[in-house]
Structures are given as structure tokens and as C-alpha cells.
């Protein structure tokens, strides 16, 4: 799977898996496919894998497909938009019951942030590519490590992969002794590889 083509079909829809401004794309290498968030400049088409891995958004597509192949992860297709509200509520209930707060959300998804804010005494957001409204505190690189020590759990949105090195983020959280939870269908295989918890109740 190291050479060949990455086939990308961008859908005009958003969801729980995306960060603000992103869309869902079906990404395939051969007959193995995963729905993954992509940045708005990504177009449908075929890409050489060697060039796709140079683009942060397409690199995550390649990594998600490869991880699915290596781990035999079953989930690959994002839930329908009408299911996303239910998904977010269930996810936030899980975070609240299992970890409480404060929470560091890596990758800004407004719906997820608002729901987490309702159950957590404090929510921090780390996303170098996006800035959102208050009441959320956006964290920069300089105080990221300090914030990780203050939170109960680090939550990673799939869309963050285009602006954040997920492996480095997981390592930083593990060194601080903090649990990491990834959500969204595109993380199914990668979460297993990274040794972190994974949540996606309605992905197919």
C-alpha cells in the first residue's frame, strides 16, 4: 500500500468528524476506504500517494486508510448528518461519566465544544488553524504542556490531524499521565495503533 493512488471524493457535508470549515471525504486506496475530514481546498480526484502524504489533510486520509488495513478496523464510513447530534450527546455523556473535566479538545468542532462545555467546569481548545468564540479558551503551543497537566482528559477530533501531529500530542498526554480519547470513524484504526481510547457509536 506504499505506492499507487489515493482516490478522494469530497462530500458537501460536515459532521462530528470535521473541525470548523472542513468537509467529509471518502478516501480509498484500492478497495479499502475510510471517511475522513479534509480541509476546504481539497478537491475530489486521484492523487499519487507520494504527493498526498505531503499535504497535511490528505496525509491523514492515507494514514487512516493504512491503519484500517493494518488493524482490520470495522468502522469506515461516517454517520449520517441526522445521527451526529445523537453521537455528540452520547460522546459527551461518556466523557463526563468516565473522566469529568476540565477537558482539552484538540481540533475545534463547535458542536462538540459547546456540549463539552455544558458538562465540564472548564474546556480548553488547541487548534493552530482555527479560532472560535468565547467562552472557550484557545491554547497556544507555549502553554499546551501546562494545560495538559491541568485537564482530566485529552479529546482528539479527527479534523485536528491536518494541523496537529497526533502522535506527538498523544505522547505528550501520556507523559503527563492523561487519558486520550479519539472520536470519529476515521480514527478507528489509528486509535488502535496509538494505544488510545476510541469512540464512534454510529459509524459503519
C-alpha atoms as a PDB file:
ATOM      1  CA  UNK A   1       0.000   0.000   0.000  1.00  0.00           C
ATOM      2  CA  UNK A   2       3.053   2.266  -0.117  1.00  0.00           C
ATOM      3  CA  UNK A   3       2.619   3.290  -3.756  1.00  0.00           C
ATOM      4  CA  UNK A   4      -0.330   3.865  -6.039  1.00  0.00           C
ATOM      5  CA  UNK A   5      -3.240   6.240  -5.918  1.00  0.00           C
ATOM      6  CA  UNK A   6      -5.401   7.803  -3.253  1.00  0.00           C
ATOM      7  CA  UNK A   7      -8.944   8.291  -4.533  1.00  0.00           C
ATOM      8  CA  UNK A   8     -10.800  11.166  -2.842  1.00  0.00           C
ATOM      9  CA  UNK A   9     -14.495  12.013  -3.148  1.00  0.00           C
ATOM     10  CA  UNK A  10     -15.382  15.183  -1.231  1.00  0.00           C
ATOM     11  CA  UNK A  11     -18.957  15.462   0.050  1.00  0.00           C
ATOM     12  CA  UNK A  12     -20.719  18.781   0.551  1.00  0.00           C
ATOM     13  CA  UNK A  13     -21.463  17.981   4.162  1.00  0.00           C
ATOM     14  CA  UNK A  14     -19.984  18.425   7.589  1.00  0.00           C
ATOM     15  CA  UNK A  15     -20.319  16.309  10.686  1.00  0.00           C
ATOM     16  CA  UNK A  16     -18.976  15.363  14.047  1.00  0.00           C
ATOM     17  CA  UNK A  17     -15.714  14.216  12.456  1.00  0.00           C
ATOM     18  CA  UNK A  18     -14.934  17.619  10.960  1.00  0.00           C
ATOM     19  CA  UNK A  19     -13.458  20.719  12.513  1.00  0.00           C
ATOM     20  CA  UNK A  20     -14.870  24.099  11.555  1.00  0.00           C
ATOM     21  CA  UNK A  21     -14.568  24.737   7.802  1.00  0.00           C
ATOM     22  CA  UNK A  22     -13.804  21.126   6.877  1.00  0.00           C
ATOM     23  CA  UNK A  23     -15.836  18.605   4.868  1.00  0.00           C
ATOM     24  CA  UNK A  24     -16.113  14.813   4.833  1.00  0.00           C
ATOM     25  CA  UNK A  25     -14.336  12.905   2.060  1.00  0.00           C
ATOM     26  CA  UNK A  26     -14.394   9.228   1.152  1.00  0.00           C
ATOM     27  CA  UNK A  27     -10.708   8.291   0.850  1.00  0.00           C
ATOM     28  CA  UNK A  28      -9.762   4.996  -0.809  1.00  0.00           C
ATOM     29  CA  UNK A  29      -6.575   3.132  -1.628  1.00  0.00           C
ATOM     30  CA  UNK A  30      -7.543   0.179  -3.751  1.00  0.00           C
ATOM     31  CA  UNK A  31     -10.708  -1.302  -2.239  1.00  0.00           C
ATOM     32  CA  UNK A  32     -10.068  -0.037   1.314  1.00  0.00           C
ATOM     33  CA  UNK A  33     -11.962   3.156   2.126  1.00  0.00           C
ATOM     34  CA  UNK A  34     -12.410   5.487   5.097  1.00  0.00           C
ATOM     35  CA  UNK A  35     -14.487   8.639   5.516  1.00  0.00           C
ATOM     36  CA  UNK A  36     -12.162  11.357   6.819  1.00  0.00           C
ATOM     37  CA  UNK A  37     -12.246  15.122   7.361  1.00  0.00           C
ATOM     38  CA  UNK A  38     -10.446  17.235   4.770  1.00  0.00           C
ATOM     39  CA  UNK A  39      -9.669  20.928   4.566  1.00  0.00           C
ATOM     40  CA  UNK A  40     -11.771  23.076   2.184  1.00  0.00           C
ATOM     41  CA  UNK A  41      -9.115  23.347  -0.535  1.00  0.00           C
ATOM     42  CA  UNK A  42      -9.055  19.564  -1.125  1.00  0.00           C
ATOM     43  CA  UNK A  43     -10.787  18.558  -4.375  1.00  0.00           C
ATOM     44  CA  UNK A  44     -12.243  15.244  -5.458  1.00  0.00           C
ATOM     45  CA  UNK A  45      -9.890  13.234  -7.650  1.00  0.00           C
ATOM     46  CA  UNK A  46      -6.995  10.813  -7.676  1.00  0.00           C
ATOM     47  CA  UNK A  47      -3.692  11.679  -6.034  1.00  0.00           C
ATOM     48  CA  UNK A  48      -0.348   9.918  -6.135  1.00  0.00           C
ATOM     49  CA  UNK A  49       0.195   8.642  -2.600  1.00  0.00           C
ATOM     50  CA  UNK A  50       3.734  10.035  -2.598  1.00  0.00           C
ATOM     51  CA  UNK A  51       2.377  13.560  -3.183  1.00  0.00           C
ATOM     52  CA  UNK A  52      -0.727  13.088  -0.998  1.00  0.00           C
ATOM     53  CA  UNK A  53       1.389  12.498   2.111  1.00  0.00           C
ATOM     54  CA  UNK A  54       2.953  15.950   1.610  1.00  0.00           C
ATOM     55  CA  UNK A  55      -0.456  17.612   2.122  1.00  0.00           C
ATOM     56  CA  UNK A  56      -1.485  17.578   5.824  1.00  0.00           C
ATOM     57  CA  UNK A  57      -5.157  16.932   5.072  1.00  0.00           C
ATOM     58  CA  UNK A  58      -4.547  14.171   2.528  1.00  0.00           C
ATOM     59  CA  UNK A  59      -1.801  12.658   4.704  1.00  0.00           C
ATOM     60  CA  UNK A  60      -4.421  11.937   7.372  1.00  0.00           C
ATOM     61  CA  UNK A  61      -6.570  10.217   4.712  1.00  0.00           C
ATOM     62  CA  UNK A  62      -3.639   7.992   3.742  1.00  0.00           C
ATOM     63  CA  UNK A  63      -2.806   7.218   7.394  1.00  0.00           C
ATOM     64  CA  UNK A  64      -6.446   6.412   8.220  1.00  0.00           C
ATOM     65  CA  UNK A  65      -6.794   4.023   5.257  1.00  0.00           C
ATOM     66  CA  UNK A  66      -3.479   2.310   6.035  1.00  0.00           C
ATOM     67  CA  UNK A  67      -4.390   1.962   9.717  1.00  0.00           C
ATOM     68  CA  UNK A  68      -7.743   0.463   8.798  1.00  0.00           C
ATOM     69  CA  UNK A  69      -5.983  -2.099   6.614  1.00  0.00           C
ATOM     70  CA  UNK A  70      -3.401  -2.964   9.290  1.00  0.00           C
ATOM     71  CA  UNK A  71      -5.810  -3.220  12.212  1.00  0.00           C
ATOM     72  CA  UNK A  72      -8.819  -4.644  10.353  1.00  0.00           C
ATOM     73  CA  UNK A  73     -10.929  -1.886  11.920  1.00  0.00           C
ATOM     74  CA  UNK A  74     -14.575  -2.381  11.027  1.00  0.00           C
ATOM     75  CA  UNK A  75     -15.830   1.209  11.090  1.00  0.00           C
ATOM     76  CA  UNK A  76     -15.017   3.162   7.972  1.00  0.00           C
ATOM     77  CA  UNK A  77     -18.000   5.269   6.933  1.00  0.00           C
ATOM     78  CA  UNK A  78     -19.141   8.381   8.787  1.00  0.00           C
ATOM     79  CA  UNK A  79     -22.602   8.504  10.300  1.00  0.00           C
ATOM     80  CA  UNK A  80     -25.346  10.424   8.538  1.00  0.00           C
ATOM     81  CA  UNK A  81     -25.678  14.098   9.497  1.00  0.00           C
ATOM     82  CA  UNK A  82     -29.020  13.416  11.248  1.00  0.00           C
ATOM     83  CA  UNK A  83     -27.206  10.999  13.592  1.00  0.00           C
ATOM     84  CA  UNK A  84     -24.433  13.409  14.513  1.00  0.00           C
ATOM     85  CA  UNK A  85     -26.399  15.252  17.220  1.00  0.00           C
ATOM     86  CA  UNK A  86     -27.127  11.925  18.937  1.00  0.00           C
ATOM     87  CA  UNK A  87     -23.478  10.929  18.577  1.00  0.00           C
ATOM     88  CA  UNK A  88     -22.216  14.134  20.199  1.00  0.00           C
ATOM     89  CA  UNK A  89     -24.610  13.793  23.140  1.00  0.00           C
ATOM     90  CA  UNK A  90     -23.603  10.181  23.729  1.00  0.00           C
ATOM     91  CA  UNK A  91     -19.913  11.052  23.411  1.00  0.00           C
ATOM     92  CA  UNK A  92     -20.165  13.929  25.886  1.00  0.00           C
ATOM     93  CA  UNK A  93     -22.067  11.731  28.361  1.00  0.00           C
ATOM     94  CA  UNK A  94     -19.255   9.185  28.094  1.00  0.00           C
ATOM     95  CA  UNK A  95     -16.558  11.831  28.692  1.00  0.00           C
ATOM     96  CA  UNK A  96     -18.487  13.284  31.634  1.00  0.00           C
ATOM     97  CA  UNK A  97     -19.069   9.929  33.324  1.00  0.00           C
ATOM     98  CA  UNK A  98     -15.640   8.465  32.653  1.00  0.00           C
ATOM     99  CA  UNK A  99     -13.393  11.494  33.168  1.00  0.00           C
ATOM    100  CA  UNK A 100     -15.278  14.620  34.224  1.00  0.00           C
ATOM    101  CA  UNK A 101     -13.383  17.798  33.477  1.00  0.00           C
ATOM    102  CA  UNK A 102     -11.605  20.009  32.681  1.00  0.00           C
ATOM    103  CA  UNK A 103     -11.194  18.848  29.070  1.00  0.00           C
ATOM    104  CA  UNK A 104      -8.650  19.668  26.366  1.00  0.00           C
ATOM    105  CA  UNK A 105     -10.304  19.400  22.942  1.00  0.00           C
ATOM    106  CA  UNK A 106      -7.706  19.067  20.189  1.00  0.00           C
ATOM    107  CA  UNK A 107      -9.352  20.321  16.994  1.00  0.00           C
ATOM    108  CA  UNK A 108     -12.200  22.835  17.100  1.00  0.00           C
ATOM    109  CA  UNK A 109     -15.685  21.472  16.366  1.00  0.00           C
ATOM    110  CA  UNK A 110     -18.230  23.996  17.629  1.00  0.00           C
ATOM    111  CA  UNK A 111     -20.963  21.458  18.437  1.00  0.00           C
ATOM    112  CA  UNK A 112     -18.619  19.181  20.369  1.00  0.00           C
ATOM    113  CA  UNK A 113     -17.071  22.142  22.210  1.00  0.00           C
ATOM    114  CA  UNK A 114     -20.475  23.508  23.242  1.00  0.00           C
ATOM    115  CA  UNK A 115     -21.703  20.133  24.505  1.00  0.00           C
ATOM    116  CA  UNK A 116     -18.472  19.504  26.430  1.00  0.00           C
ATOM    117  CA  UNK A 117     -18.717  22.976  27.916  1.00  0.00           C
ATOM    118  CA  UNK A 118     -22.116  22.053  29.365  1.00  0.00           C
ATOM    119  CA  UNK A 119     -20.672  19.158  31.421  1.00  0.00           C
ATOM    120  CA  UNK A 120     -17.131  20.303  32.126  1.00  0.00           C
ATOM    121  CA  UNK A 121     -16.097  23.015  34.589  1.00  0.00           C
ATOM    122  CA  UNK A 122     -13.601  24.237  32.012  1.00  0.00           C
ATOM    123  CA  UNK A 123     -12.769  23.443  28.410  1.00  0.00           C
ATOM    124  CA  UNK A 124      -9.568  24.289  26.582  1.00  0.00           C
ATOM    125  CA  UNK A 125      -9.153  24.055  22.817  1.00  0.00           C
ATOM    126  CA  UNK A 126      -5.920  23.517  20.904  1.00  0.00           C
ATOM    127  CA  UNK A 127      -6.161  24.068  17.157  1.00  0.00           C
ATOM    128  CA  UNK A 128      -3.418  26.080  15.424  1.00  0.00           C
ATOM    129  CA  UNK A 129      -5.582  26.578  12.299  1.00  0.00           C
ATOM    130  CA  UNK A 130      -8.796  27.787  13.902  1.00  0.00           C
ATOM    131  CA  UNK A 131     -10.016  30.334  16.403  1.00  0.00           C
ATOM    132  CA  UNK A 132     -13.512  30.273  17.813  1.00  0.00           C
ATOM    133  CA  UNK A 133     -15.702  32.405  20.041  1.00  0.00           C
ATOM    134  CA  UNK A 134     -15.655  32.634  23.788  1.00  0.00           C
ATOM    135  CA  UNK A 135     -16.377  31.047  26.289  1.00  0.00           C
ATOM    136  CA  UNK A 136     -13.670  28.700  25.064  1.00  0.00           C
ATOM    137  CA  UNK A 137     -10.021  29.293  25.835  1.00  0.00           C
ATOM    138  CA  UNK A 138      -7.835  28.581  22.837  1.00  0.00           C
ATOM    139  CA  UNK A 139      -4.445  27.270  23.909  1.00  0.00           C
ATOM    140  CA  UNK A 140      -1.214  28.030  22.081  1.00  0.00           C
ATOM    141  CA  UNK A 141       1.952  25.960  21.800  1.00  0.00           C
ATOM    142  CA  UNK A 142       3.637  27.867  24.636  1.00  0.00           C
ATOM    143  CA  UNK A 143       1.178  26.785  27.335  1.00  0.00           C
ATOM    144  CA  UNK A 144      -0.025  23.476  25.863  1.00  0.00           C
ATOM    145  CA  UNK A 145       2.037  21.245  28.183  1.00  0.00           C
ATOM    146  CA  UNK A 146       0.844  23.180  31.249  1.00  0.00           C
ATOM    147  CA  UNK A 147      -2.796  22.841  30.184  1.00  0.00           C
ATOM    148  CA  UNK A 148      -2.406  19.094  29.631  1.00  0.00           C
ATOM    149  CA  UNK A 149      -1.294  18.723  33.260  1.00  0.00           C
ATOM    150  CA  UNK A 150      -4.422  20.618  34.387  1.00  0.00           C
ATOM    151  CA  UNK A 151      -7.053  18.633  32.468  1.00  0.00           C
ATOM    152  CA  UNK A 152      -8.682  15.288  33.229  1.00  0.00           C
ATOM    153  CA  UNK A 153      -8.732  14.048  29.628  1.00  0.00           C
ATOM    154  CA  UNK A 154      -7.446  14.958  26.165  1.00  0.00           C
ATOM    155  CA  UNK A 155     -10.082  14.578  23.426  1.00  0.00           C
ATOM    156  CA  UNK A 156      -8.907  14.463  19.803  1.00  0.00           C
ATOM    157  CA  UNK A 157     -11.179  15.404  16.899  1.00  0.00           C
ATOM    158  CA  UNK A 158     -10.337  13.749  13.564  1.00  0.00           C
ATOM    159  CA  UNK A 159     -10.149  17.115  11.820  1.00  0.00           C
ATOM    160  CA  UNK A 160      -7.227  18.130  14.029  1.00  0.00           C
ATOM    161  CA  UNK A 161      -4.888  15.871  12.088  1.00  0.00           C
ATOM    162  CA  UNK A 162      -4.400  18.490   9.369  1.00  0.00           C
ATOM    163  CA  UNK A 163      -2.899  20.976  11.842  1.00  0.00           C
ATOM    164  CA  UNK A 164      -1.584  18.881  14.750  1.00  0.00           C
ATOM    165  CA  UNK A 165       0.862  15.985  14.916  1.00  0.00           C
ATOM    166  CA  UNK A 166      -1.435  13.462  16.582  1.00  0.00           C
ATOM    167  CA  UNK A 167       1.384  11.100  17.570  1.00  0.00           C
ATOM    168  CA  UNK A 168       3.225  13.915  19.348  1.00  0.00           C
ATOM    169  CA  UNK A 169       0.022  15.031  21.090  1.00  0.00           C
ATOM    170  CA  UNK A 170      -0.669  11.501  22.341  1.00  0.00           C
ATOM    171  CA  UNK A 171       2.928  11.171  23.591  1.00  0.00           C
ATOM    172  CA  UNK A 172       2.684  14.496  25.439  1.00  0.00           C
ATOM    173  CA  UNK A 173      -0.565  13.448  27.115  1.00  0.00           C
ATOM    174  CA  UNK A 174       0.766  10.008  28.057  1.00  0.00           C
ATOM    175  CA  UNK A 175       3.903  11.543  29.600  1.00  0.00           C
ATOM    176  CA  UNK A 176       1.596  13.694  31.727  1.00  0.00           C
ATOM    177  CA  UNK A 177      -0.396  10.604  32.719  1.00  0.00           C
ATOM    178  CA  UNK A 178      -3.555  11.833  30.995  1.00  0.00           C
ATOM    179  CA  UNK A 179      -6.036   9.602  29.161  1.00  0.00           C
ATOM    180  CA  UNK A 180      -6.612  10.320  25.478  1.00  0.00           C
ATOM    181  CA  UNK A 181      -9.887   9.673  23.663  1.00  0.00           C
ATOM    182  CA  UNK A 182     -10.229   9.987  19.884  1.00  0.00           C
ATOM    183  CA  UNK A 183     -13.640  10.140  18.279  1.00  0.00           C
ATOM    184  CA  UNK A 184     -14.931   9.767  14.739  1.00  0.00           C
ATOM    185  CA  UNK A 185     -14.832   6.952  12.247  1.00  0.00           C
ATOM    186  CA  UNK A 186     -11.518   7.910  10.644  1.00  0.00           C
ATOM    187  CA  UNK A 187      -9.712   7.220  13.940  1.00  0.00           C
ATOM    188  CA  UNK A 188     -10.870   3.583  14.156  1.00  0.00           C
ATOM    189  CA  UNK A 189      -7.563   2.060  13.071  1.00  0.00           C
ATOM    190  CA  UNK A 190      -5.246   4.867  14.197  1.00  0.00           C
ATOM    191  CA  UNK A 191      -6.541   4.741  17.779  1.00  0.00           C
ATOM    192  CA  UNK A 192      -5.548   1.078  17.999  1.00  0.00           C
ATOM    193  CA  UNK A 193      -2.081   1.865  16.672  1.00  0.00           C
ATOM    194  CA  UNK A 194      -1.645   4.768  19.097  1.00  0.00           C
ATOM    195  CA  UNK A 195      -2.962   2.801  22.080  1.00  0.00           C
ATOM    196  CA  UNK A 196      -5.695   5.294  22.940  1.00  0.00           C
ATOM    197  CA  UNK A 197      -9.424   5.019  23.607  1.00  0.00           C
ATOM    198  CA  UNK A 198     -11.796   5.427  20.690  1.00  0.00           C
ATOM    199  CA  UNK A 199     -15.470   6.420  20.459  1.00  0.00           C
ATOM    200  CA  UNK A 200     -17.745   6.163  17.417  1.00  0.00           C
ATOM    201  CA  UNK A 201     -21.183   4.671  18.137  1.00  0.00           C
ATOM    202  CA  UNK A 202     -22.836   5.211  14.760  1.00  0.00           C
ATOM    203  CA  UNK A 203     -20.025   4.820  12.204  1.00  0.00           C
ATOM    204  CA  UNK A 204     -20.422   1.951   9.776  1.00  0.00           C
END
